[in-house]
Protein backbone atom coordinates (compact mmCIF):
# COMPACT_ATOMS: atom_id res chain seq x y z
CA MET A 1 24.50 0.70 21.54
CA ASN A 2 25.76 -2.77 22.31
CA LYS A 3 25.89 -5.13 19.30
CA HIS A 4 23.65 -7.61 21.12
CA PHE A 5 20.94 -4.98 21.58
CA GLU A 6 21.16 -4.01 17.91
CA ASP A 7 20.73 -7.64 16.94
CA ALA A 8 17.82 -8.02 19.36
CA TRP A 9 16.03 -4.97 17.88
CA TYR A 10 16.55 -6.32 14.38
CA TYR A 11 15.15 -9.75 15.21
CA LEU A 12 12.29 -8.22 17.19
CA GLY A 13 11.30 -6.23 14.11
CA ARG A 14 11.45 -9.34 11.94
CA ALA A 15 9.38 -11.27 14.49
CA VAL A 16 6.70 -8.57 14.44
CA ASP A 17 6.59 -8.66 10.63
CA HIS A 18 6.26 -12.45 10.62
CA LEU A 19 3.56 -12.27 13.30
CA ARG A 20 1.56 -9.78 11.22
CA ILE A 21 1.90 -11.89 8.07
CA GLY A 22 0.94 -15.05 9.96
CA LEU A 23 -2.12 -13.40 11.49
CA GLU A 24 -3.22 -12.09 8.08
CA GLU A 25 -2.98 -15.59 6.62
CA GLU A 26 -4.76 -17.25 9.53
CA LEU A 27 -7.57 -14.68 9.65
CA ALA A 28 -8.10 -14.46 5.88
CA PRO A 29 -10.89 -17.11 5.89
CA LEU A 30 -12.69 -15.29 8.72
CA GLU A 31 -12.38 -11.99 6.87
CA ALA A 32 -13.75 -13.56 3.67
CA ALA A 33 -16.68 -15.10 5.55
CA ALA A 34 -17.50 -11.79 7.28
CA ARG A 35 -17.30 -9.89 4.00
CA GLU A 36 -19.63 -12.41 2.34
CA ARG A 37 -22.09 -12.45 5.23
CA PHE A 38 -22.34 -8.69 5.66
CA GLY A 39 -21.99 -7.81 1.99
CA TRP A 40 -18.76 -5.84 2.38
CA GLU A 41 -16.82 -5.54 -0.81
CA GLU A 42 -13.08 -5.70 -0.89
CA ASP A 43 -11.28 -2.73 -2.44
CA GLU A 44 -9.72 -4.06 -5.63
CA ASP A 45 -7.64 -0.90 -6.08
CA GLU A 46 -5.90 -1.33 -2.75
CA PRO A 47 -3.01 -3.82 -2.79
CA ARG A 48 -3.26 -6.58 -0.19
CA THR A 49 0.36 -7.18 0.74
CA ARG A 50 3.15 -4.88 1.76
CA LEU A 51 5.11 -5.88 -1.34
CA ASP A 52 2.13 -5.03 -3.56
CA ARG A 53 1.82 -1.62 -1.88
CA VAL A 54 5.52 -0.91 -2.42
CA LYS A 55 5.35 -2.01 -6.07
CA THR A 56 2.27 0.14 -6.67
CA GLU A 57 3.88 3.15 -5.03
CA PHE A 58 7.10 2.62 -7.00
CA GLU A 59 5.17 2.47 -10.26
CA ARG A 60 3.45 5.76 -9.43
CA VAL A 61 6.77 7.51 -8.84
CA ASP A 62 7.99 8.67 -12.22
CA THR A 63 9.87 11.85 -11.53
CA GLU A 64 12.89 13.13 -13.38
CA PRO A 65 15.48 11.84 -10.85
CA VAL A 66 13.92 8.37 -10.92
CA ARG A 67 13.90 8.35 -14.71
CA LYS A 68 17.56 9.38 -14.83
CA ALA A 69 18.48 6.72 -12.26
CA ARG A 70 16.69 4.06 -14.28
CA GLU A 71 18.58 5.16 -17.40
CA ARG A 72 21.92 4.97 -15.57
CA ILE A 73 21.07 1.49 -14.26
CA ASP A 74 20.09 0.34 -17.75
CA GLN A 75 23.29 1.81 -19.17
CA TYR A 76 25.34 0.07 -16.48
CA ARG A 77 23.65 -3.24 -17.23
CA GLY A 78 24.22 -2.78 -20.95
CA ARG A 79 20.58 -2.47 -21.89
CA PRO A 80 19.28 0.07 -24.38
CA PRO A 81 17.46 2.94 -22.66
CA ALA A 82 13.70 2.53 -22.31
CA GLU A 83 11.69 4.88 -24.50
């Protein structure tokens, strides 16, 4: 694929992400008002942002390969291994 098309796809993806984030921020007051008016409760367990969802998912993943990778990273950085 032409380098220009690759760049265009990349920036299109970023534009879509920024559009979604912007719409969430702009519509947050409307969502809050609708929830208050109709008595809908917000799920506190569900993270609101994409970053929160990734962090939550990462914290849930605690398999053997992940543990070993964390130990190697700590060893590389000169930190004592986490117990």
